[in-house]
């Protein structure tokens, strides 16, 4: 039972190998060994259902462990639910870390899953989704069935019920607001589907100890697979935080946010005694939770599989010591792709500190006042539509060269017109190509945007002088060749080198 979680060299090697097996194939024997070990590194990689109880759990569930012949293993919660199993109320499968972008084989399924998880089907039909992806609804259903084992509607229902279940168990948000926040257009439909899926009514699972709505915020738990180097994440974000929009203080990341017509404040900190972050979200943003939760998970790279990345990168002599020293290093993503893209453009050929100052000026000039009180970040970053309405001469006034102002305006207009799409799940190589068609955006900027806005783990800004120096490469081409062995995790390798150099290592 203890082998898989052993901290010895042999035990660690075996755990990494087991993680890799689960990463590529759902081996029942490996799965059961992981269940016996209750190792959090396997959390979210699969779910175990017990035939005698009709319940499915995370591999870390503290309940009494079932015999091997009673277990059935599923790659996704939606598959377990389709087979007739109900989610455990003790380990709460809805809190399990998800799968990273690279885990999906099909580009179509990857993009469809991202859009569904972000609430697309809350306001659109499956036909609309298929049309937006350039395929027929029949082809989309078949693709999801083949790869995910569920239909688009079933996948969406699992996402909605997961949000609803978490709100019911952790907060005192009124039932009608829970239904709306989860994406249900009808309270009656919400009640019926919830009762069907969990064999009890929504009101019956409301916890007596649920968090009360104090100071206009709710708390949402975001689980991850350990380890996670939270201090390294905060240090990276603090150095690049946009003044007036973001801040990092006392172990907490805080920012303003506006999605649609909903605006408010979000703060995130590490939870105590569990592998999770806690996000405090303004009540005004609750209707957009289906979009906010995926954005936060992407921002903090919470769906990464650090042991798989570690096993791959530690084989390179340059990365061996950095990876062993910081096994929980994650690649910071972005809450908003357009915001990150502007920040990257402003950072061209200037220091991180200078880029941060320019970003603050830009946000103050083109953003809008926060609507959540004086204590919150005072500015909401502007949308692409807002920036696209201005001339490059106007944008130049923030203190940047005219050519860079032209790049920002061109980028904003491309996003606003839909010519560039930074939706997670899209083919990153195609997005990089689209970005480089814009004036002033070269390989470094395009790769950096792909790394953070698209969460593409294989992005690598080979033209970065710091990385080239660390690699002993004279040219970008040499840096590319030197890091071929890091694929598909080159973004993590780059971050390890940046971290070592920033700390004077």
Protein backbone atom coordinates (compact mmCIF):
# COMPACT_ATOMS: atom_id res chain seq x y z
CA UNK A 1 0.00 0.00 0.00
CA UNK A 2 2.79 2.44 0.76
CA UNK A 3 5.00 1.74 -2.23
CA UNK A 4 3.37 4.09 -4.66
CA UNK A 5 3.59 7.02 -2.26
CA UNK A 6 7.09 6.24 -1.02
CA UNK A 7 9.55 9.11 -0.78
CA UNK A 8 12.54 6.83 -1.35
CA UNK A 9 14.37 6.99 -4.67
CA UNK A 10 12.93 3.62 -5.78
CA UNK A 11 9.45 4.53 -4.59
CA UNK A 12 9.63 7.93 -6.29
CA UNK A 13 10.76 6.34 -9.56
CA UNK A 14 7.92 3.83 -9.39
CA UNK A 15 5.36 6.56 -8.65
CA UNK A 16 6.55 8.56 -11.64
CA UNK A 17 6.33 5.48 -13.85
CA UNK A 18 2.82 4.72 -12.58
CA UNK A 19 1.75 8.31 -13.27
CA UNK A 20 3.02 8.00 -16.81
CA UNK A 21 1.12 4.71 -17.33
CA UNK A 22 -2.10 6.40 -16.22
CA UNK A 23 -1.25 9.38 -18.41
CA UNK A 24 -1.31 7.27 -21.55
CA UNK A 25 -3.59 4.32 -20.65
CA UNK A 26 -6.13 3.46 -17.97
CA UNK A 27 -4.62 0.26 -16.59
CA UNK A 28 -7.03 -1.27 -14.00
CA UNK A 29 -4.23 -2.82 -11.94
CA UNK A 30 -2.30 0.45 -11.78
CA UNK A 31 -5.52 2.30 -10.94
CA UNK A 32 -6.32 -0.03 -8.05
CA UNK A 33 -2.79 0.30 -6.67
CA UNK A 34 -3.20 4.09 -6.81
CA UNK A 35 -6.53 3.80 -4.95
CA UNK A 36 -4.87 1.70 -2.25
CA UNK A 37 -2.13 4.31 -1.86
CA UNK A 38 -4.52 7.29 -1.86
CA UNK A 39 -1.73 9.22 -3.56
CA UNK A 40 -2.84 12.75 -4.46
CA UNK A 41 -0.63 12.77 -7.54
CA UNK A 42 -3.21 10.50 -9.18
CA UNK A 43 -6.16 12.70 -8.22
CA UNK A 44 -8.30 13.46 -11.26
CA UNK A 45 -6.38 11.06 -13.52
CA UNK A 46 -9.27 8.62 -13.16
CA UNK A 47 -12.31 7.81 -11.02
CA UNK A 48 -13.17 4.57 -9.26
CA UNK A 49 -16.77 3.32 -9.11
CA UNK A 50 -17.96 0.65 -6.70
CA UNK A 51 -20.50 -1.75 -8.16
CA UNK A 52 -22.05 -2.69 -4.81
CA UNK A 53 -22.80 0.89 -3.72
CA UNK A 54 -23.42 2.62 -7.06
CA UNK A 55 -21.02 5.41 -6.01
CA UNK A 56 -17.95 6.74 -7.82
CA UNK A 57 -15.03 8.42 -6.07
CA UNK A 58 -11.67 10.08 -6.50
CA UNK A 59 -8.68 7.77 -5.90
CA UNK A 60 -7.93 9.76 -2.72
CA UNK A 61 -11.34 9.10 -1.11
CA UNK A 62 -10.95 8.54 2.66
CA UNK A 63 -13.82 6.03 2.75
CA UNK A 64 -13.19 2.34 3.33
CA UNK A 65 -11.46 0.91 0.29
CA UNK A 66 -13.43 -1.59 -1.80
CA UNK A 67 -12.19 -4.97 -2.94
CA UNK A 68 -10.62 -5.10 -6.39
CA UNK A 69 -13.44 -7.15 -7.94
CA UNK A 70 -15.98 -4.50 -6.98
CA UNK A 71 -14.20 -1.64 -8.77
CA UNK A 72 -14.77 -0.16 -12.19
CA UNK A 73 -12.48 2.62 -13.43
CA UNK A 74 -13.40 5.61 -15.58
CA UNK A 75 -11.25 8.32 -17.13
CA UNK A 76 -13.88 11.01 -16.54
CA UNK A 77 -16.68 11.74 -14.13
CA UNK A 78 -19.16 12.07 -16.99
CA UNK A 79 -18.45 8.48 -18.05
CA UNK A 80 -19.11 7.18 -14.54
CA UNK A 81 -22.38 9.09 -14.39
CA UNK A 82 -23.46 7.81 -17.77
CA UNK A 83 -22.90 4.27 -16.45
CA UNK A 84 -25.34 5.02 -13.63
CA UNK A 85 -22.95 5.78 -10.75
CA UNK A 86 -23.50 8.72 -8.38
CA UNK A 87 -20.83 11.11 -7.14
CA UNK A 88 -19.46 10.51 -3.65
CA UNK A 89 -20.44 13.18 -1.10
CA UNK A 90 -17.32 12.53 0.95
CA UNK A 91 -14.43 12.93 -1.52
CA UNK A 92 -16.50 15.11 -3.91
CA UNK A 93 -15.40 14.23 -7.47
CA UNK A 94 -16.47 17.67 -8.70
CA UNK A 95 -13.41 19.12 -6.94
CA UNK A 96 -10.88 16.84 -8.63
CA UNK A 97 -8.27 18.45 -10.89
CA UNK A 98 -9.09 18.13 -14.57
CA UNK A 99 -7.05 17.23 -17.61
CA UNK A 100 -4.61 19.59 -19.27
CA UNK A 101 -4.89 20.76 -22.87
CA UNK A 102 -2.37 18.26 -24.14
CA UNK A 103 -4.26 15.27 -22.71
CA UNK A 104 -6.86 15.26 -25.48
CA UNK A 105 -5.86 13.57 -28.73
CA UNK A 106 -8.31 15.28 -31.03
CA UNK A 107 -8.15 19.00 -31.76
CA UNK A 108 -11.92 19.05 -32.32
CA UNK A 109 -12.67 17.31 -29.02
CA UNK A 110 -10.15 19.46 -27.18
CA UNK A 111 -11.73 22.70 -28.35
CA UNK A 112 -15.30 21.45 -27.90
CA UNK A 113 -14.55 20.29 -24.35
CA UNK A 114 -13.02 23.65 -23.44
CA UNK A 115 -16.02 25.54 -24.77
CA UNK A 116 -18.53 23.27 -23.06
CA UNK A 117 -16.61 23.48 -19.77
CA UNK A 118 -16.73 27.28 -20.06
CA UNK A 119 -20.52 27.24 -20.34
CA UNK A 120 -21.01 27.54 -24.11
CA UNK A 121 -24.02 25.21 -24.13
CA UNK A 122 -25.68 27.24 -21.39
CA UNK A 123 -26.70 29.76 -24.02
CA UNK A 124 -26.21 27.87 -27.29
CA UNK A 125 -27.27 24.57 -28.82
CA UNK A 126 -25.10 21.64 -29.87
CA UNK A 127 -25.80 22.65 -33.47
CA UNK A 128 -24.42 26.13 -32.70
CA UNK A 129 -21.30 24.62 -31.13
CA UNK A 130 -20.74 22.30 -34.07
CA UNK A 131 -21.23 25.13 -36.57
CA UNK A 132 -18.71 27.32 -34.72
CA UNK A 133 -16.19 24.47 -35.00
CA UNK A 134 -16.85 23.89 -38.69
CA UNK A 135 -18.42 20.43 -38.40
CA UNK A 136 -21.87 18.91 -38.30
CA UNK A 137 -23.60 18.22 -35.00
CA UNK A 138 -23.58 14.51 -35.83
CA UNK A 139 -19.81 14.51 -36.38
CA UNK A 140 -19.27 16.43 -33.11
CA UNK A 141 -21.39 13.97 -31.12
CA UNK A 142 -19.53 11.03 -32.63
CA UNK A 143 -16.13 12.59 -31.87
CA UNK A 144 -16.99 13.22 -28.21
CA UNK A 145 -18.54 9.78 -27.84
CA UNK A 146 -15.44 8.11 -29.25
CA UNK A 147 -12.89 10.04 -27.19
CA UNK A 148 -14.72 11.12 -24.02
CA UNK A 149 -17.33 8.39 -23.86
CA UNK A 150 -20.19 10.88 -23.50
CA UNK A 151 -22.30 13.16 -25.66
CA UNK A 152 -21.91 16.98 -25.65
CA UNK A 153 -25.11 17.34 -23.61
CA UNK A 154 -24.00 14.74 -21.05
CA UNK A 155 -20.61 16.41 -20.73
CA UNK A 156 -22.30 19.79 -20.21
CA UNK A 157 -24.70 18.38 -17.62
CA UNK A 158 -21.80 16.99 -15.60
CA UNK A 159 -20.10 20.39 -15.66
CA UNK A 160 -23.27 22.19 -14.55
CA UNK A 161 -24.07 19.72 -11.78
CA UNK A 162 -20.47 19.89 -10.53
CA UNK A 163 -20.73 23.66 -10.08
CA UNK A 164 -24.15 23.35 -8.48
CA UNK A 165 -23.02 20.64 -6.07
CA UNK A 166 -20.02 22.68 -4.97
CA UNK A 167 -22.11 25.79 -4.37
CA UNK A 168 -24.69 23.80 -2.43
CA UNK A 169 -22.14 22.12 -0.19
CA UNK A 170 -19.80 25.08 0.37
CA UNK A 171 -21.96 28.20 0.32
CA UNK A 172 -25.35 29.55 1.31
CA UNK A 173 -26.14 30.94 -2.14
CA UNK A 174 -29.93 30.68 -2.67
CA UNK A 175 -31.05 27.64 -4.69
CA UNK A 176 -32.39 29.76 -7.53
CA UNK A 177 -29.02 31.53 -7.84
CA UNK A 178 -27.23 28.18 -7.73
CA UNK A 179 -29.29 26.94 -10.67
CA UNK A 180 -28.58 30.11 -12.63
CA UNK A 181 -24.86 30.15 -11.85
CA UNK A 182 -24.53 26.50 -12.91
CA UNK A 183 -26.11 27.28 -16.27
CA UNK A 184 -29.61 25.88 -15.86
CA UNK A 185 -32.29 27.94 -17.58
CA UNK A 186 -35.05 26.33 -15.52
CA UNK A 187 -35.12 25.71 -11.77
CA UNK A 188 -37.55 22.87 -12.37
CA UNK A 189 -35.13 21.23 -14.78
CA UNK A 190 -32.28 21.78 -12.31
CA UNK A 191 -34.20 20.10 -9.48
CA UNK A 192 -35.24 17.16 -11.66
CA UNK A 193 -31.78 16.47 -13.08
CA UNK A 194 -30.09 16.92 -9.70
CA UNK A 195 -32.47 14.46 -8.03
CA UNK A 196 -31.99 12.01 -10.89
CA UNK A 197 -28.20 12.21 -10.72
CA UNK A 198 -27.70 12.27 -6.92
CA UNK A 199 -30.86 10.53 -5.68
CA UNK A 200 -31.76 13.49 -3.47
CA UNK A 201 -32.95 17.06 -3.85
CA UNK A 202 -30.61 20.08 -3.97
CA UNK A 203 -31.87 21.35 -0.63
CA UNK A 204 -31.15 17.99 1.00
CA UNK A 205 -27.37 18.31 0.52
CA UNK A 206 -27.04 21.87 1.76
CA UNK A 207 -24.41 21.66 4.47
CA UNK A 208 -25.20 23.24 7.81
CA UNK A 209 -21.63 24.51 7.98
CA UNK A 210 -21.74 26.15 4.56
CA UNK A 211 -19.92 29.45 4.24
CA UNK A 212 -22.25 32.41 4.80
CA UNK A 213 -22.25 35.22 2.30
CA UNK A 214 -20.06 37.64 4.21
CA UNK A 215 -18.91 40.94 2.73
CA UNK A 216 -20.41 40.02 -0.61
CA UNK A 217 -18.08 37.10 -1.42
CA UNK A 218 -18.31 33.34 -1.78
CA UNK A 219 -15.41 30.90 -1.37
CA UNK A 220 -14.71 28.33 -4.09
CA UNK A 221 -12.21 25.52 -3.61
CA UNK A 222 -9.83 24.67 -6.48
CA UNK A 223 -8.05 21.35 -6.02
CA UNK A 224 -4.81 20.39 -7.74
CA UNK A 225 -2.37 17.49 -7.92
CA UNK A 226 0.61 18.15 -5.65
CA UNK A 227 3.19 19.45 -5.58
CA UNK A 228 2.50 23.10 -6.41
CA UNK A 229 5.10 25.77 -5.74
CA UNK A 230 2.68 28.51 -4.70
CA UNK A 231 5.38 30.97 -3.69
CA UNK A 232 7.09 30.67 -7.08
CA UNK A 233 3.75 31.22 -8.80
CA UNK A 234 3.05 34.33 -6.72
CA UNK A 235 6.56 35.69 -7.31
CA UNK A 236 6.17 35.36 -11.08
CA UNK A 237 2.72 37.01 -11.05
CA UNK A 238 3.76 39.74 -8.60
CA UNK A 239 6.59 40.90 -10.87
CA UNK A 240 4.15 41.17 -13.78
CA UNK A 241 0.98 42.29 -11.98
CA UNK A 242 -0.74 45.14 -13.81
CA UNK A 243 -0.99 48.08 -11.36
CA UNK A 244 -4.60 48.92 -10.61
CA UNK A 245 -5.84 45.58 -11.98
CA UNK A 246 -3.83 42.94 -10.11
CA UNK A 247 -1.89 42.72 -6.88
CA UNK A 248 -0.03 40.12 -4.85
CA UNK A 249 0.23 40.62 -1.11
CA UNK A 250 0.55 38.40 1.97
CA UNK A 251 0.32 35.17 -0.01
CA UNK A 252 -2.80 36.24 -1.91
CA UNK A 253 -3.37 37.06 -5.57
CA UNK A 254 -6.12 39.61 -6.14
CA UNK A 255 -7.63 41.11 -9.29
CA UNK A 256 -10.61 42.91 -10.76
CA UNK A 257 -12.69 41.08 -13.36
CA UNK A 258 -15.52 41.76 -15.76
CA UNK A 259 -17.23 39.10 -17.85
CA UNK A 260 -20.20 40.21 -19.88
CA UNK A 261 -22.15 42.58 -17.67
CA UNK A 262 -20.87 41.07 -14.42
CA UNK A 263 -17.99 42.81 -12.65
CA UNK A 264 -16.30 42.22 -9.32
CA UNK A 265 -13.16 41.11 -7.52
CA UNK A 266 -11.43 37.76 -7.16
CA UNK A 267 -8.75 36.86 -4.61
CA UNK A 268 -6.94 33.52 -4.41
CA UNK A 269 -4.82 32.02 -1.64
CA UNK A 270 -3.52 28.59 -0.69
CA UNK A 271 -5.82 26.44 1.42
CA UNK A 272 -4.62 25.06 4.72
CA UNK A 273 -3.85 21.36 5.10
CA UNK A 274 -5.11 20.33 1.68
CA UNK A 275 -3.92 20.40 -1.92
CA UNK A 276 -6.19 23.23 -2.99
CA UNK A 277 -6.45 26.95 -3.53
CA UNK A 278 -9.37 29.00 -2.23
CA UNK A 279 -10.88 31.67 -4.45
CA UNK A 280 -13.01 34.39 -2.88
CA UNK A 281 -15.31 35.67 -5.60
CA UNK A 282 -17.65 38.66 -5.54
CA UNK A 283 -21.32 37.71 -5.46
CA UNK A 284 -21.77 39.92 -8.50
CA UNK A 285 -19.64 37.43 -10.47
CA UNK A 286 -21.50 34.29 -9.39
CA UNK A 287 -23.59 34.15 -12.62
CA UNK A 288 -20.29 33.74 -14.51
CA UNK A 289 -18.81 30.95 -12.35
CA UNK A 290 -18.87 28.49 -15.25
CA UNK A 291 -16.36 30.76 -17.00
CA UNK A 292 -14.46 32.00 -13.95
CA UNK A 293 -13.49 28.59 -12.56
CA UNK A 294 -11.81 27.38 -15.81
CA UNK A 295 -10.02 30.73 -16.09
CA UNK A 296 -8.63 30.44 -12.57
CA UNK A 297 -7.58 26.84 -13.11
CA UNK A 298 -5.75 27.94 -16.26
CA UNK A 299 -4.17 30.97 -14.59
CA UNK A 300 -2.57 28.82 -11.89
CA UNK A 301 -2.01 25.74 -14.11
CA UNK A 302 -4.01 23.59 -11.70
CA UNK A 303 -4.69 20.77 -14.15
CA UNK A 304 -1.00 20.03 -14.73
CA UNK A 305 0.45 16.62 -13.91
CA UNK A 306 3.72 17.68 -12.25
CA UNK A 307 5.09 14.16 -11.76
CA UNK A 308 4.76 13.41 -15.48
CA UNK A 309 6.52 16.66 -16.36
CA UNK A 310 9.22 16.00 -13.77
CA UNK A 311 9.92 12.51 -15.07
CA UNK A 312 10.44 13.86 -18.57
CA UNK A 313 12.53 16.97 -17.87
CA UNK A 314 14.80 15.62 -15.15
CA UNK A 315 16.64 13.55 -17.76
CA UNK A 316 18.26 16.71 -19.18
CA UNK A 317 21.49 17.65 -17.35
CA UNK A 318 20.68 21.37 -17.52
CA UNK A 319 17.28 20.85 -15.91
CA UNK A 320 18.06 18.00 -13.52
CA UNK A 321 18.88 20.15 -10.48
CA UNK A 322 16.24 22.88 -11.08
CA UNK A 323 13.49 20.29 -11.54
CA UNK A 324 14.49 18.35 -8.44
CA UNK A 325 14.69 21.58 -6.44
CA UNK A 326 11.27 22.82 -7.58
CA UNK A 327 9.14 19.82 -8.62
CA UNK A 328 5.97 21.85 -8.14
CA UNK A 329 6.83 24.68 -10.52
CA UNK A 330 3.84 25.49 -12.77
CA UNK A 331 3.58 27.65 -15.88
CA UNK A 332 1.43 30.70 -15.00
CA UNK A 333 -1.43 31.10 -17.45
CA UNK A 334 -3.73 34.06 -17.99
CA UNK A 335 -7.14 35.06 -16.68
CA UNK A 336 -7.81 36.89 -19.95
CA UNK A 337 -6.02 36.24 -23.23
CA UNK A 338 -6.32 39.76 -24.59
CA UNK A 339 -4.97 41.26 -21.37
CA UNK A 340 -1.99 38.89 -21.47
CA UNK A 341 -1.38 39.66 -25.14
CA UNK A 342 -1.24 43.41 -24.53
CA UNK A 343 1.07 42.85 -21.57
CA UNK A 344 3.37 40.74 -23.78
CA UNK A 345 3.49 43.40 -26.52
CA UNK A 346 4.24 46.14 -24.00
CA UNK A 347 7.07 43.94 -22.73
CA UNK A 348 8.87 43.81 -26.06
CA UNK A 349 12.50 44.99 -25.74
CA UNK A 350 12.03 46.41 -22.24
CA UNK A 351 12.57 45.05 -18.74
CA UNK A 352 9.85 43.30 -16.74
CA UNK A 353 9.64 46.32 -14.43
CA UNK A 354 9.24 48.76 -17.32
CA UNK A 355 6.58 46.58 -18.93
CA UNK A 356 4.66 46.46 -15.65
CA UNK A 357 4.71 50.26 -15.40
CA UNK A 358 3.49 50.63 -18.99
CA UNK A 359 0.73 48.09 -18.40
CA UNK A 360 -0.53 50.10 -15.44
CA UNK A 361 -0.64 53.28 -17.51
CA UNK A 362 -2.43 51.46 -20.31
CA UNK A 363 -5.06 50.02 -17.95
CA UNK A 364 -5.64 53.37 -16.25
CA UNK A 365 -6.06 55.13 -19.61
CA UNK A 366 -8.30 52.64 -21.41
CA UNK A 367 -9.83 50.54 -18.66
CA UNK A 368 -12.98 51.22 -16.69
CA UNK A 369 -13.46 51.85 -12.96
CA UNK A 370 -14.04 48.79 -10.82
CA UNK A 371 -17.57 48.47 -9.52
CA UNK A 372 -16.75 46.68 -6.30
CA UNK A 373 -15.84 49.41 -3.87
CA UNK A 374 -12.79 51.39 -2.83
CA UNK A 375 -10.98 48.43 -1.28
CA UNK A 376 -10.88 46.51 -4.55
CA UNK A 377 -8.43 46.94 -7.46
CA UNK A 378 -9.66 50.23 -8.93
CA UNK A 379 -9.45 49.33 -12.63
CA UNK A 380 -10.93 46.71 -14.94
CA UNK A 381 -8.64 45.98 -17.89
CA UNK A 382 -10.11 47.19 -21.20
CA UNK A 383 -11.63 44.80 -23.73
CA UNK A 384 -10.33 44.35 -27.26
CA UNK A 385 -13.35 46.26 -28.55
CA UNK A 386 -12.55 49.25 -26.35
CA UNK A 387 -8.92 49.40 -27.47
CA UNK A 388 -9.75 48.77 -31.13
CA UNK A 389 -11.79 52.00 -31.17
CA UNK A 390 -8.64 54.10 -30.65
CA UNK A 391 -5.90 55.13 -33.06
CA UNK A 392 -2.29 54.08 -32.67
CA UNK A 393 -1.36 57.73 -32.16
CA UNK A 394 -3.70 57.85 -29.17
CA UNK A 395 -2.27 54.63 -27.72
CA UNK A 396 1.28 55.91 -28.18
CA UNK A 397 0.59 58.46 -25.45
CA UNK A 398 1.06 55.84 -22.72
CA UNK A 399 4.78 56.15 -23.41
CA UNK A 400 5.56 53.61 -26.12
CA UNK A 401 6.94 53.87 -29.67
CA UNK A 402 4.40 54.40 -32.44
CA UNK A 403 5.22 51.03 -33.99
CA UNK A 404 4.37 49.24 -30.75
CA UNK A 405 1.14 51.24 -30.44
CA UNK A 406 0.28 50.11 -33.97
CA UNK A 407 0.88 46.51 -32.94
CA UNK A 408 -1.45 46.83 -29.95
CA UNK A 409 -4.23 48.38 -32.04
CA UNK A 410 -3.81 45.73 -34.76
CA UNK A 411 -3.90 43.00 -32.11
CA UNK A 412 -7.03 44.47 -30.51
CA UNK A 413 -8.82 44.73 -33.84
CA UNK A 414 -7.85 41.17 -34.79
CA UNK A 415 -9.30 39.88 -31.51
CA UNK A 416 -12.43 42.05 -31.80
CA UNK A 417 -13.05 40.95 -35.39
CA UNK A 418 -12.42 37.29 -34.64
CA UNK A 419 -9.41 37.05 -36.95
CA UNK A 420 -7.33 35.94 -33.97
CA UNK A 421 -8.89 33.64 -31.40
CA UNK A 422 -7.16 32.97 -28.08
CA UNK A 423 -9.65 30.38 -26.87
CA UNK A 424 -7.95 27.58 -24.97
CA UNK A 425 -8.04 24.32 -26.85
CA UNK A 426 -7.42 25.79 -30.30
CA UNK A 427 -4.53 24.50 -32.38
CA UNK A 428 -1.64 26.53 -30.89
CA UNK A 429 0.46 26.35 -34.04
CA UNK A 430 -2.38 27.91 -36.03
CA UNK A 431 -2.84 30.64 -33.42
CA UNK A 432 0.90 31.38 -33.44
CA UNK A 433 0.76 31.67 -37.22
CA UNK A 434 -2.22 34.05 -37.00
CA UNK A 435 -0.44 36.18 -34.41
CA UNK A 436 2.72 36.45 -36.49
CA UNK A 437 0.69 37.78 -39.40
CA UNK A 438 0.09 40.91 -37.33
CA UNK A 439 2.61 43.76 -37.61
CA UNK A 440 5.11 43.81 -34.78
CA UNK A 441 4.41 40.33 -33.42
CA UNK A 442 7.32 37.97 -33.93
CA UNK A 443 8.12 34.46 -32.72
CA UNK A 444 9.01 35.50 -29.14
CA UNK A 445 5.72 37.32 -28.52
CA UNK A 446 3.62 34.68 -30.27
CA UNK A 447 5.23 31.83 -28.32
CA UNK A 448 4.89 33.69 -25.02
CA UNK A 449 1.19 34.31 -25.67
CA UNK A 450 0.73 30.65 -26.59
CA UNK A 451 2.55 29.60 -23.42
CA UNK A 452 0.35 31.61 -21.10
CA UNK A 453 -2.92 32.53 -22.85
CA UNK A 454 -3.38 29.13 -24.51
CA UNK A 455 -1.66 27.12 -21.74
CA UNK A 456 0.32 25.32 -24.44
CA UNK A 457 2.92 23.26 -22.55
CA UNK A 458 5.21 22.94 -25.57
CA UNK A 459 5.53 26.68 -26.27
CA UNK A 460 9.10 27.92 -26.23
CA UNK A 461 10.26 31.50 -26.95
CA UNK A 462 13.57 30.40 -28.43
CA UNK A 463 14.57 33.97 -29.23
CA UNK A 464 14.66 34.88 -25.53
CA UNK A 465 18.21 36.05 -24.74
CA UNK A 466 18.10 34.79 -21.16
CA UNK A 467 17.09 31.29 -22.28
CA UNK A 468 19.66 31.21 -25.05
CA UNK A 469 22.42 32.19 -22.63
CA UNK A 470 21.35 29.51 -20.15
CA UNK A 471 21.36 26.91 -22.93
CA UNK A 472 24.66 28.05 -24.40
CA UNK A 473 22.92 28.69 -27.71
CA UNK A 474 24.02 31.53 -29.97
CA UNK A 475 20.85 31.58 -32.07
CA UNK A 476 17.15 30.85 -31.71
CA UNK A 477 17.59 27.91 -34.05
CA UNK A 478 20.25 26.42 -31.78
CA UNK A 479 17.97 26.87 -28.76
CA UNK A 480 15.18 25.09 -30.63
CA UNK A 481 17.40 22.12 -31.41
CA UNK A 482 18.81 22.01 -27.85
CA UNK A 483 15.31 21.70 -26.35
CA UNK A 484 13.78 19.16 -28.74
CA UNK A 485 14.16 16.52 -26.04
CA UNK A 486 11.99 18.58 -23.67
CA UNK A 487 8.92 18.15 -25.86
CA UNK A 488 6.01 18.27 -25.11
CA UNK A 489 6.91 20.18 -21.93
CA UNK A 490 9.23 22.91 -23.21
CA UNK A 491 7.26 25.70 -21.50
CA UNK A 492 8.05 24.12 -18.11
CA UNK A 493 11.72 23.86 -19.03
CA UNK A 494 11.75 27.53 -19.97
CA UNK A 495 10.13 28.51 -16.68
CA UNK A 496 12.67 26.49 -14.70
CA UNK A 497 15.52 28.34 -16.40
CA UNK A 498 13.87 31.72 -15.94
CA UNK A 499 13.32 30.94 -12.25
CA UNK A 500 16.93 29.86 -11.67
CA UNK A 501 18.31 32.95 -13.38
CA UNK A 502 15.92 35.37 -11.64
CA UNK A 503 17.12 34.01 -8.31
CA UNK A 504 20.75 34.37 -9.27
CA UNK A 505 21.29 30.61 -9.51
